[in-house]
Structure formats: C-alpha cells, structure tokens
N, C-alpha and C. Protein backbone atom coordinates (compact mmCIF):
# COMPACT_ATOMS: atom_id res chain seq x y z
N UNK A 1 -24.82 126.02 270.59
CA UNK A 1 -24.29 126.33 271.90
C UNK A 1 -23.36 125.22 272.38
N UNK A 2 -22.55 125.56 273.31
CA UNK A 2 -21.62 124.61 273.91
C UNK A 2 -22.20 124.18 275.27
N UNK A 3 -22.19 122.87 275.56
CA UNK A 3 -22.71 122.43 276.86
C UNK A 3 -21.87 122.97 278.03
N UNK A 4 -22.49 123.00 279.19
CA UNK A 4 -21.77 123.36 280.41
C UNK A 4 -20.71 122.29 280.68
N UNK A 5 -19.65 122.63 281.39
CA UNK A 5 -18.60 121.64 281.69
C UNK A 5 -19.16 120.45 282.48
N UNK A 6 -18.58 119.28 282.22
CA UNK A 6 -19.00 118.07 282.92
C UNK A 6 -17.82 117.12 283.05
N UNK A 7 -17.92 116.22 284.00
CA UNK A 7 -16.94 115.16 284.19
C UNK A 7 -17.43 113.93 283.43
N UNK A 8 -16.52 113.14 282.90
CA UNK A 8 -16.86 111.95 282.12
C UNK A 8 -16.36 110.71 282.84
N UNK A 9 -17.26 109.74 283.03
CA UNK A 9 -16.91 108.45 283.64
C UNK A 9 -17.41 107.35 282.70
N UNK A 10 -16.60 106.32 282.50
CA UNK A 10 -17.02 105.20 281.65
C UNK A 10 -17.25 103.98 282.52
N UNK A 11 -18.45 103.40 282.40
CA UNK A 11 -18.80 102.20 283.16
C UNK A 11 -18.58 100.96 282.30
N UNK A 12 -18.11 99.90 282.94
CA UNK A 12 -17.90 98.64 282.24
C UNK A 12 -19.03 97.65 282.42
N UNK A 13 -19.95 97.96 283.34
CA UNK A 13 -21.08 97.07 283.61
C UNK A 13 -22.25 97.90 284.12
N UNK A 14 -23.42 97.29 284.10
CA UNK A 14 -24.61 97.97 284.64
C UNK A 14 -24.41 98.28 286.11
N UNK A 15 -23.84 97.35 286.85
CA UNK A 15 -23.62 97.54 288.28
C UNK A 15 -22.68 98.72 288.55
N UNK A 16 -21.61 98.81 287.76
CA UNK A 16 -20.67 99.93 287.93
C UNK A 16 -21.35 101.26 287.58
N UNK A 17 -22.16 101.27 286.54
CA UNK A 17 -22.88 102.48 286.15
C UNK A 17 -23.83 102.94 287.25
N UNK A 18 -24.54 102.00 287.83
CA UNK A 18 -25.49 102.32 288.92
C UNK A 18 -24.73 102.83 290.14
N UNK A 19 -23.59 102.25 290.42
CA UNK A 19 -22.76 102.71 291.53
C UNK A 19 -22.28 104.15 291.30
N UNK A 20 -21.83 104.43 290.08
CA UNK A 20 -21.36 105.79 289.76
C UNK A 20 -22.49 106.80 289.86
N UNK A 21 -23.66 106.44 289.33
CA UNK A 21 -24.81 107.35 289.42
C UNK A 21 -25.16 107.59 290.89
N UNK A 22 -25.08 106.53 291.69
CA UNK A 22 -25.37 106.66 293.12
C UNK A 22 -24.42 107.62 293.83
N UNK A 23 -23.17 107.65 293.39
CA UNK A 23 -22.18 108.54 293.99
C UNK A 23 -22.49 110.01 293.71
N UNK A 24 -23.01 110.29 292.51
CA UNK A 24 -23.19 111.68 292.09
C UNK A 24 -24.64 112.15 292.14
N UNK A 25 -25.57 111.23 292.32
CA UNK A 25 -26.99 111.59 292.47
C UNK A 25 -27.57 112.33 291.28
N UNK A 26 -28.39 113.33 291.56
CA UNK A 26 -29.11 114.06 290.51
C UNK A 26 -28.19 114.85 289.58
N UNK A 27 -26.93 115.01 289.96
CA UNK A 27 -25.99 115.75 289.12
C UNK A 27 -25.44 114.91 287.97
N UNK A 28 -25.76 113.61 287.95
CA UNK A 28 -25.22 112.71 286.94
C UNK A 28 -26.32 112.22 286.00
N UNK A 29 -25.91 111.90 284.77
CA UNK A 29 -26.81 111.33 283.77
C UNK A 29 -26.08 110.21 283.05
N UNK A 30 -26.86 109.21 282.61
CA UNK A 30 -26.31 108.15 281.78
C UNK A 30 -26.16 108.67 280.36
N UNK A 31 -25.12 108.22 279.68
CA UNK A 31 -24.88 108.54 278.28
C UNK A 31 -24.72 107.24 277.53
N UNK A 32 -25.55 107.01 276.53
CA UNK A 32 -25.42 105.81 275.69
C UNK A 32 -25.08 106.28 274.28
N UNK A 33 -26.09 106.48 273.45
CA UNK A 33 -25.85 107.01 272.11
C UNK A 33 -25.67 108.52 272.11
N UNK A 34 -26.35 109.19 273.04
CA UNK A 34 -26.22 110.63 273.19
C UNK A 34 -27.14 111.47 272.33
N UNK A 35 -27.93 110.84 271.48
CA UNK A 35 -28.76 111.61 270.55
C UNK A 35 -29.95 112.28 271.20
N UNK A 36 -30.29 111.91 272.40
CA UNK A 36 -31.35 112.60 273.14
C UNK A 36 -30.76 113.60 274.13
N UNK A 37 -29.73 113.19 274.84
CA UNK A 37 -29.17 114.02 275.91
C UNK A 37 -28.32 115.18 275.40
N UNK A 38 -27.43 114.94 274.46
CA UNK A 38 -26.48 115.97 274.02
C UNK A 38 -27.17 117.22 273.48
N UNK A 39 -28.22 117.11 272.65
CA UNK A 39 -28.89 118.34 272.21
C UNK A 39 -29.46 119.16 273.38
N UNK A 40 -29.99 118.48 274.39
CA UNK A 40 -30.49 119.21 275.57
C UNK A 40 -29.36 119.88 276.33
N UNK A 41 -28.21 119.22 276.37
CA UNK A 41 -27.06 119.82 277.05
C UNK A 41 -26.56 121.05 276.29
N UNK A 42 -26.57 120.97 274.97
CA UNK A 42 -26.14 122.12 274.16
C UNK A 42 -27.06 123.32 274.36
N UNK A 43 -28.34 123.06 274.56
CA UNK A 43 -29.30 124.14 274.82
C UNK A 43 -29.33 124.54 276.29
N UNK A 44 -28.55 123.83 277.09
CA UNK A 44 -28.48 124.05 278.55
C UNK A 44 -29.81 123.76 279.25
N UNK A 45 -30.62 122.92 278.62
CA UNK A 45 -31.86 122.45 279.26
C UNK A 45 -31.55 121.30 280.21
N UNK A 46 -30.44 120.63 279.97
CA UNK A 46 -29.91 119.61 280.88
C UNK A 46 -28.47 120.01 281.17
N UNK A 47 -28.10 120.03 282.45
CA UNK A 47 -26.75 120.44 282.82
C UNK A 47 -26.13 119.49 283.85
N UNK A 48 -26.00 118.21 283.48
CA UNK A 48 -25.36 117.29 284.43
C UNK A 48 -23.89 117.67 284.63
N UNK A 49 -23.41 117.47 285.83
CA UNK A 49 -21.99 117.74 286.09
C UNK A 49 -21.14 116.49 285.85
N UNK A 50 -21.83 115.33 285.73
CA UNK A 50 -21.14 114.06 285.47
C UNK A 50 -21.94 113.28 284.44
N UNK A 51 -21.25 112.78 283.40
CA UNK A 51 -21.86 111.85 282.45
C UNK A 51 -21.24 110.48 282.69
N UNK A 52 -22.10 109.49 282.87
CA UNK A 52 -21.66 108.10 283.04
C UNK A 52 -21.93 107.38 281.72
N UNK A 53 -20.87 107.10 280.99
CA UNK A 53 -20.97 106.47 279.67
C UNK A 53 -21.24 104.98 279.84
N UNK A 54 -22.40 104.54 279.36
CA UNK A 54 -22.77 103.13 279.42
C UNK A 54 -22.75 102.49 278.03
N UNK A 55 -22.28 103.23 277.05
CA UNK A 55 -22.30 102.78 275.66
C UNK A 55 -21.53 101.52 275.37
N UNK A 56 -20.61 101.15 276.24
CA UNK A 56 -19.79 99.95 276.01
C UNK A 56 -20.17 98.79 276.92
N UNK A 57 -21.31 98.88 277.56
CA UNK A 57 -21.79 97.77 278.39
C UNK A 57 -22.47 96.78 277.44
N UNK A 58 -21.68 95.86 276.92
CA UNK A 58 -22.13 94.97 275.83
C UNK A 58 -23.27 94.02 276.22
N UNK A 59 -23.35 93.65 277.50
CA UNK A 59 -24.39 92.68 277.87
C UNK A 59 -25.78 93.30 277.91
N UNK A 60 -25.92 94.57 277.53
CA UNK A 60 -27.23 95.21 277.45
C UNK A 60 -27.63 95.49 276.00
N UNK A 61 -26.99 94.82 275.06
CA UNK A 61 -27.31 94.98 273.64
C UNK A 61 -27.67 93.62 273.05
N UNK A 62 -28.97 93.37 272.91
CA UNK A 62 -29.44 92.08 272.40
C UNK A 62 -30.92 92.18 272.02
N UNK A 63 -31.36 91.23 271.21
CA UNK A 63 -32.77 90.98 270.93
C UNK A 63 -32.94 89.47 271.03
N UNK A 64 -33.82 89.03 271.96
CA UNK A 64 -33.99 87.59 272.22
C UNK A 64 -35.46 87.20 272.21
N UNK A 65 -35.72 86.03 271.66
CA UNK A 65 -37.04 85.43 271.78
C UNK A 65 -37.13 84.86 273.19
N UNK A 66 -38.10 85.35 273.97
CA UNK A 66 -38.21 84.93 275.38
C UNK A 66 -39.57 84.30 275.66
N UNK A 67 -40.03 83.46 274.74
CA UNK A 67 -41.31 82.78 274.95
C UNK A 67 -42.48 83.61 274.50
N UNK A 68 -43.21 84.20 275.45
CA UNK A 68 -44.40 84.98 275.09
C UNK A 68 -44.08 86.43 274.74
N UNK A 69 -42.79 86.80 274.84
CA UNK A 69 -42.39 88.17 274.52
C UNK A 69 -41.00 88.17 273.89
N UNK A 70 -40.63 89.33 273.38
CA UNK A 70 -39.27 89.54 272.88
C UNK A 70 -38.58 90.46 273.88
N UNK A 71 -37.37 90.07 274.30
CA UNK A 71 -36.58 90.86 275.24
C UNK A 71 -35.52 91.63 274.46
N UNK A 72 -35.46 92.94 274.72
CA UNK A 72 -34.52 93.81 274.01
C UNK A 72 -33.66 94.53 275.04
N UNK A 73 -32.36 94.38 274.93
CA UNK A 73 -31.45 95.09 275.82
C UNK A 73 -31.54 96.59 275.59
N UNK A 74 -31.45 97.35 276.66
CA UNK A 74 -31.63 98.80 276.57
C UNK A 74 -30.59 99.48 275.68
N UNK A 75 -29.42 98.88 275.51
CA UNK A 75 -28.39 99.50 274.68
C UNK A 75 -28.40 99.00 273.24
N UNK A 76 -29.47 98.34 272.85
CA UNK A 76 -29.61 97.89 271.47
C UNK A 76 -29.83 99.11 270.58
N UNK A 77 -29.02 99.25 269.56
CA UNK A 77 -29.10 100.40 268.65
C UNK A 77 -30.39 100.31 267.82
N UNK A 78 -30.88 101.47 267.42
CA UNK A 78 -32.11 101.51 266.62
C UNK A 78 -31.98 100.65 265.36
N UNK A 79 -30.81 100.69 264.72
CA UNK A 79 -30.65 99.90 263.49
C UNK A 79 -30.73 98.41 263.77
N UNK A 80 -30.29 97.98 264.96
CA UNK A 80 -30.38 96.56 265.31
C UNK A 80 -31.82 96.15 265.61
N UNK A 81 -32.60 97.08 266.15
CA UNK A 81 -34.03 96.83 266.34
C UNK A 81 -34.69 96.71 264.97
N UNK A 82 -34.35 97.62 264.08
CA UNK A 82 -34.91 97.63 262.72
C UNK A 82 -34.60 96.35 261.96
N UNK A 83 -33.38 95.84 262.08
CA UNK A 83 -32.92 94.70 261.28
C UNK A 83 -33.14 93.35 261.95
N UNK A 84 -33.57 93.31 263.19
CA UNK A 84 -33.67 92.06 263.94
C UNK A 84 -34.65 91.06 263.31
N UNK A 85 -34.18 89.85 262.97
CA UNK A 85 -35.08 88.83 262.45
C UNK A 85 -36.14 88.42 263.48
N UNK A 86 -35.76 88.42 264.76
CA UNK A 86 -36.70 88.05 265.82
C UNK A 86 -37.84 89.06 265.88
N UNK A 87 -37.51 90.34 265.84
CA UNK A 87 -38.56 91.37 265.87
C UNK A 87 -39.38 91.36 264.58
N UNK A 88 -38.72 91.18 263.45
CA UNK A 88 -39.47 91.14 262.18
C UNK A 88 -40.49 90.02 262.18
N UNK A 89 -40.17 88.91 262.86
CA UNK A 89 -41.09 87.79 262.91
C UNK A 89 -42.19 87.99 263.95
N UNK A 90 -41.83 88.45 265.15
CA UNK A 90 -42.77 88.46 266.27
C UNK A 90 -43.36 89.82 266.63
N UNK A 91 -42.65 90.90 266.32
CA UNK A 91 -43.15 92.25 266.62
C UNK A 91 -42.76 93.16 265.45
N UNK A 92 -43.29 92.88 264.25
CA UNK A 92 -42.86 93.64 263.07
C UNK A 92 -43.14 95.14 263.16
N UNK A 93 -44.15 95.53 263.91
CA UNK A 93 -44.45 96.95 264.05
C UNK A 93 -43.28 97.70 264.69
N UNK A 94 -42.64 97.10 265.67
CA UNK A 94 -41.51 97.76 266.34
C UNK A 94 -40.31 97.86 265.39
N UNK A 95 -40.03 96.81 264.65
CA UNK A 95 -38.94 96.86 263.67
C UNK A 95 -39.21 97.94 262.63
N UNK A 96 -40.45 98.02 262.18
CA UNK A 96 -40.83 99.04 261.19
C UNK A 96 -40.68 100.44 261.78
N UNK A 97 -41.15 100.64 262.99
CA UNK A 97 -41.05 101.96 263.63
C UNK A 97 -39.59 102.37 263.78
N UNK A 98 -38.72 101.42 264.12
CA UNK A 98 -37.29 101.73 264.29
C UNK A 98 -36.67 102.21 262.98
N UNK A 99 -37.20 101.75 261.86
CA UNK A 99 -36.66 102.17 260.56
C UNK A 99 -36.96 103.63 260.26
N UNK A 100 -37.85 104.24 261.02
CA UNK A 100 -38.23 105.65 260.80
C UNK A 100 -37.66 106.59 261.86
N UNK A 101 -36.83 106.07 262.76
CA UNK A 101 -36.22 106.92 263.79
C UNK A 101 -35.12 107.76 263.14
N UNK A 102 -35.22 109.06 263.26
CA UNK A 102 -34.18 109.98 262.81
C UNK A 102 -33.64 109.67 261.42
N UNK A 103 -32.34 109.85 261.27
CA UNK A 103 -31.66 109.51 260.02
C UNK A 103 -30.73 108.33 260.28
N UNK A 104 -29.96 107.97 259.27
CA UNK A 104 -29.08 106.81 259.38
C UNK A 104 -28.09 106.95 260.54
N UNK A 105 -27.55 108.14 260.73
CA UNK A 105 -26.59 108.35 261.81
C UNK A 105 -27.23 108.12 263.18
N UNK A 106 -28.43 108.62 263.36
CA UNK A 106 -29.15 108.43 264.62
C UNK A 106 -29.44 106.95 264.83
N UNK A 107 -29.87 106.25 263.79
CA UNK A 107 -30.18 104.83 263.93
C UNK A 107 -28.94 103.99 264.23
N UNK A 108 -27.78 104.43 263.80
CA UNK A 108 -26.54 103.69 264.06
C UNK A 108 -25.96 103.97 265.44
N UNK A 109 -26.30 105.08 266.07
CA UNK A 109 -25.74 105.42 267.38
C UNK A 109 -26.78 105.41 268.50
N UNK A 110 -27.99 105.85 268.20
CA UNK A 110 -29.01 105.94 269.24
C UNK A 110 -29.48 104.57 269.69
N UNK A 111 -29.92 104.50 270.96
CA UNK A 111 -30.36 103.22 271.54
C UNK A 111 -31.84 103.28 271.90
N UNK A 112 -32.48 102.13 271.87
CA UNK A 112 -33.89 102.06 272.24
C UNK A 112 -34.07 102.45 273.71
N UNK A 113 -33.16 102.03 274.56
CA UNK A 113 -33.27 102.38 275.98
C UNK A 113 -33.10 103.86 276.23
N UNK A 114 -32.17 104.49 275.52
CA UNK A 114 -31.98 105.93 275.66
C UNK A 114 -33.20 106.69 275.23
N UNK A 115 -33.79 106.25 274.13
CA UNK A 115 -35.00 106.89 273.62
C UNK A 115 -36.14 106.79 274.62
N UNK A 116 -36.30 105.62 275.23
CA UNK A 116 -37.38 105.42 276.20
C UNK A 116 -37.09 106.15 277.50
N UNK A 117 -35.89 105.99 278.04
CA UNK A 117 -35.56 106.60 279.33
C UNK A 117 -35.61 108.12 279.28
N UNK A 118 -35.36 108.68 278.12
CA UNK A 118 -35.40 110.13 277.94
C UNK A 118 -36.82 110.68 278.10
N UNK A 119 -37.81 109.84 277.81
CA UNK A 119 -39.24 110.16 278.00
C UNK A 119 -39.69 111.39 277.21
N UNK A 120 -39.20 111.51 275.99
CA UNK A 120 -39.65 112.60 275.12
C UNK A 120 -40.90 112.13 274.38
N UNK A 121 -42.02 112.81 274.56
CA UNK A 121 -43.26 112.37 273.92
C UNK A 121 -43.22 112.43 272.40
N UNK A 122 -42.24 113.12 271.83
CA UNK A 122 -42.13 113.19 270.37
C UNK A 122 -41.34 112.03 269.78
N UNK A 123 -40.77 111.18 270.62
CA UNK A 123 -39.95 110.06 270.13
C UNK A 123 -40.83 108.91 269.66
N UNK A 124 -40.36 108.24 268.62
CA UNK A 124 -41.14 107.16 268.00
C UNK A 124 -41.22 105.89 268.85
N UNK A 125 -40.08 105.42 269.36
CA UNK A 125 -40.07 104.11 270.01
C UNK A 125 -40.76 104.07 271.36
N UNK A 126 -40.69 105.12 272.18
CA UNK A 126 -41.49 105.08 273.41
C UNK A 126 -42.99 104.95 273.11
N UNK A 127 -43.47 105.69 272.13
CA UNK A 127 -44.89 105.61 271.78
C UNK A 127 -45.24 104.23 271.23
N UNK A 128 -44.35 103.67 270.43
CA UNK A 128 -44.61 102.34 269.85
C UNK A 128 -44.62 101.27 270.92
N UNK A 129 -43.64 101.28 271.82
CA UNK A 129 -43.61 100.26 272.87
C UNK A 129 -44.78 100.43 273.84
N UNK A 130 -45.20 101.66 274.06
CA UNK A 130 -46.38 101.91 274.89
C UNK A 130 -47.61 101.29 274.23
N UNK A 131 -47.79 101.53 272.94
CA UNK A 131 -48.94 100.99 272.21
C UNK A 131 -48.91 99.46 272.17
N UNK A 132 -47.72 98.87 272.19
CA UNK A 132 -47.59 97.42 272.14
C UNK A 132 -47.71 96.76 273.52
N UNK A 133 -47.88 97.55 274.57
CA UNK A 133 -48.04 96.99 275.91
C UNK A 133 -46.75 96.48 276.52
N UNK A 134 -45.65 97.14 276.23
CA UNK A 134 -44.34 96.70 276.73
C UNK A 134 -44.21 96.88 278.24
N UNK A 135 -43.24 96.19 278.77
CA UNK A 135 -42.83 96.32 280.16
C UNK A 135 -41.35 96.66 280.16
N UNK A 136 -40.95 97.58 281.02
CA UNK A 136 -39.55 98.00 281.11
C UNK A 136 -38.93 97.44 282.38
N UNK A 137 -37.75 96.85 282.24
CA UNK A 137 -37.01 96.33 283.39
C UNK A 137 -35.96 97.38 283.75
N UNK A 138 -36.00 97.84 284.99
CA UNK A 138 -35.04 98.82 285.47
C UNK A 138 -34.22 98.20 286.59
N UNK A 139 -33.00 98.68 286.73
CA UNK A 139 -32.10 98.14 287.75
C UNK A 139 -31.51 99.29 288.55
N UNK A 140 -31.45 99.08 289.85
CA UNK A 140 -30.86 100.06 290.76
C UNK A 140 -30.09 99.34 291.84
N UNK A 141 -29.65 100.05 292.85
CA UNK A 141 -28.87 99.42 293.92
C UNK A 141 -29.65 98.36 294.69
N UNK A 142 -30.98 98.42 294.64
CA UNK A 142 -31.82 97.44 295.35
C UNK A 142 -32.22 96.27 294.46
N UNK A 143 -31.70 96.21 293.24
CA UNK A 143 -32.03 95.13 292.33
C UNK A 143 -32.87 95.60 291.16
N UNK A 144 -33.58 94.64 290.56
CA UNK A 144 -34.39 94.94 289.37
C UNK A 144 -35.86 95.02 289.73
N UNK A 145 -36.58 95.80 288.93
CA UNK A 145 -38.04 95.86 289.03
C UNK A 145 -38.59 96.11 287.64
N UNK A 146 -39.87 95.77 287.47
CA UNK A 146 -40.53 95.96 286.17
C UNK A 146 -41.57 97.05 286.28
N UNK A 147 -41.65 97.87 285.22
CA UNK A 147 -42.63 98.95 285.16
C UNK A 147 -43.36 98.83 283.83
N UNK A 148 -44.68 98.75 283.87
CA UNK A 148 -45.47 98.73 282.64
C UNK A 148 -45.26 100.06 281.91
N UNK A 149 -45.17 100.00 280.60
CA UNK A 149 -44.96 101.22 279.81
C UNK A 149 -46.00 102.28 280.14
N UNK A 150 -47.23 101.86 280.37
CA UNK A 150 -48.31 102.82 280.66
C UNK A 150 -48.08 103.56 281.97
N UNK A 151 -47.25 103.02 282.86
CA UNK A 151 -46.96 103.66 284.14
C UNK A 151 -45.60 104.35 284.17
N UNK A 152 -44.84 104.21 283.09
CA UNK A 152 -43.46 104.69 283.07
C UNK A 152 -43.35 106.19 282.80
N UNK A 153 -44.14 106.68 281.87
CA UNK A 153 -44.03 108.08 281.45
C UNK A 153 -44.88 108.96 282.35
N UNK A 154 -44.24 109.91 283.03
CA UNK A 154 -44.92 110.74 284.03
C UNK A 154 -45.21 112.15 283.51
N UNK A 155 -44.53 112.59 282.50
CA UNK A 155 -44.70 113.93 281.95
C UNK A 155 -43.61 114.20 280.94
N UNK A 156 -43.54 115.44 280.48
CA UNK A 156 -42.54 115.82 279.50
C UNK A 156 -41.14 115.60 280.06
N UNK A 157 -40.40 114.68 279.45
CA UNK A 157 -39.04 114.32 279.85
C UNK A 157 -38.96 113.80 281.29
N UNK A 158 -40.07 113.25 281.79
CA UNK A 158 -40.11 112.69 283.15
C UNK A 158 -40.59 111.24 283.10
N UNK A 159 -39.90 110.38 283.84
CA UNK A 159 -40.27 108.97 283.87
C UNK A 159 -40.33 108.47 285.31
N UNK A 160 -40.71 107.22 285.46
CA UNK A 160 -40.79 106.59 286.78
C UNK A 160 -39.44 106.07 287.26
N UNK A 161 -38.38 106.30 286.50
CA UNK A 161 -37.05 105.88 286.93
C UNK A 161 -36.61 106.68 288.14
N UNK A 162 -36.11 106.00 289.16
CA UNK A 162 -35.50 106.70 290.29
C UNK A 162 -34.14 107.23 289.83
N UNK A 163 -33.62 108.21 290.53
CA UNK A 163 -32.35 108.84 290.15
C UNK A 163 -31.20 107.84 290.08
N UNK A 164 -31.27 106.76 290.86
CA UNK A 164 -30.18 105.78 290.88
C UNK A 164 -30.51 104.49 290.12
N UNK A 165 -31.47 104.57 289.20
CA UNK A 165 -31.86 103.40 288.40
C UNK A 165 -31.55 103.64 286.93
N UNK A 166 -31.36 102.53 286.23
CA UNK A 166 -31.22 102.61 284.78
C UNK A 166 -32.11 101.57 284.12
N UNK A 167 -32.60 101.90 282.95
CA UNK A 167 -33.38 100.98 282.14
C UNK A 167 -32.41 99.95 281.58
N UNK A 168 -32.72 98.66 281.76
CA UNK A 168 -31.81 97.61 281.27
C UNK A 168 -32.44 96.72 280.20
N UNK A 169 -33.77 96.63 280.18
CA UNK A 169 -34.41 95.74 279.21
C UNK A 169 -35.82 96.20 278.90
N UNK A 170 -36.23 95.92 277.67
CA UNK A 170 -37.59 96.19 277.23
C UNK A 170 -38.20 94.85 276.86
N UNK A 171 -39.35 94.52 277.46
CA UNK A 171 -40.07 93.28 277.15
C UNK A 171 -41.31 93.65 276.34
N UNK A 172 -41.37 93.14 275.12
CA UNK A 172 -42.49 93.46 274.23
C UNK A 172 -43.26 92.19 273.93
N UNK A 173 -44.57 92.16 274.24
CA UNK A 173 -45.36 90.97 273.93
C UNK A 173 -45.34 90.67 272.43
N UNK A 174 -45.31 89.39 272.10
CA UNK A 174 -45.37 89.00 270.69
C UNK A 174 -46.74 89.35 270.12
N UNK A 175 -46.74 89.81 268.89
CA UNK A 175 -47.99 90.17 268.23
C UNK A 175 -48.61 88.90 267.65
N UNK A 176 -49.92 88.86 267.71
CA UNK A 176 -50.64 87.74 267.13
C UNK A 176 -51.38 88.22 265.89
N UNK A 177 -51.14 87.58 264.78
CA UNK A 177 -51.89 87.90 263.57
C UNK A 177 -51.40 89.09 262.78
N UNK A 178 -50.17 89.51 263.01
CA UNK A 178 -49.62 90.61 262.22
C UNK A 178 -50.11 91.96 262.65
N UNK A 179 -49.96 92.94 261.80
CA UNK A 179 -50.38 94.30 262.10
C UNK A 179 -50.86 94.92 260.86
C-alpha cells in the first residue's frame, strides 16, 4: 500500500525537532531510520500529516562510558550498538541483541531510539533494555526528564512519551560478571 500524503520537515537539532512537533501536535511523528514507522504508514495504521526527520541530528548518535552506566544516543544505529567496543565490554548482552535485529539493511538504518519509542512489544531492543534496567532520557519544550524502562511502555505501540517529547538517550547500567 501507499501511505497517506504527508508533509516532510527536516530538523537540524533536537530543539528544532521538538519545536516542529509542538507546532503540529498529534498530527506529526518523528522519522529517524523509518523501519518502524513507514510499514505502519503503508498499512495506514499510522497516518501522520507531518513527518519531522531527525535522522541527521548527529549529536544524538553516540555510545559513551558514563561511569556506572553506558549512555547511548537515541539516533545510534543498530549496527553501531552491535559493534560498539564500550557495549561489548560493559553491556555485552545489548550488543549481542542488536546483532539479531532484522536484517543487515535494518541494522544499518534503524535506530535504537526509534525501536524503543515505537513501543512495539515484538521488538528486540526495547525488551532487552527493559530487562537490563535501562532509563530513558526524553526531551520536550520543558526540558529533559528520565523515565525508567519499566514505566515507559504503556501498551501496544503506546509509551509514556508526551506528544511534544522525543527520546534522546538510553542509559544502561553496566553489567557485573558477564551474562
């Protein structure tokens, strides 16, 4: 099927993306890799009138050792999660799980944040980060807040994200003693 018509906006920063989403409200959706949203749009299960492309917001793509946890930018591609030396050392289960996400094309385009924000219970990385006790950092017009993974998922394709918020970072506690 062909998706319903939509307007396309490209954001250069998280702040610009949040501002654009705020302008269009519930009629807008963020687009990063698109591997979760586009299939729903083709089936007309999601019909946003505006897509805000955040795929080029480079400061949200990283994996960092942050002391007692590993910080992962929401726009980090699945393949970068899979290949990250920091994750392989401190959270090898997450790196391993990322290696099983979809196929090579999905791993090269899809993002960990998109997978989590989409809140599909069949997705690998939301379940893995939930099991690891992750915390999600979300940003909106009022600033940033943290949501425990256990409190984030509200139902099928439903999350604790407000309409004007975006997931910006995933904090995963370091594993002790391997897996």
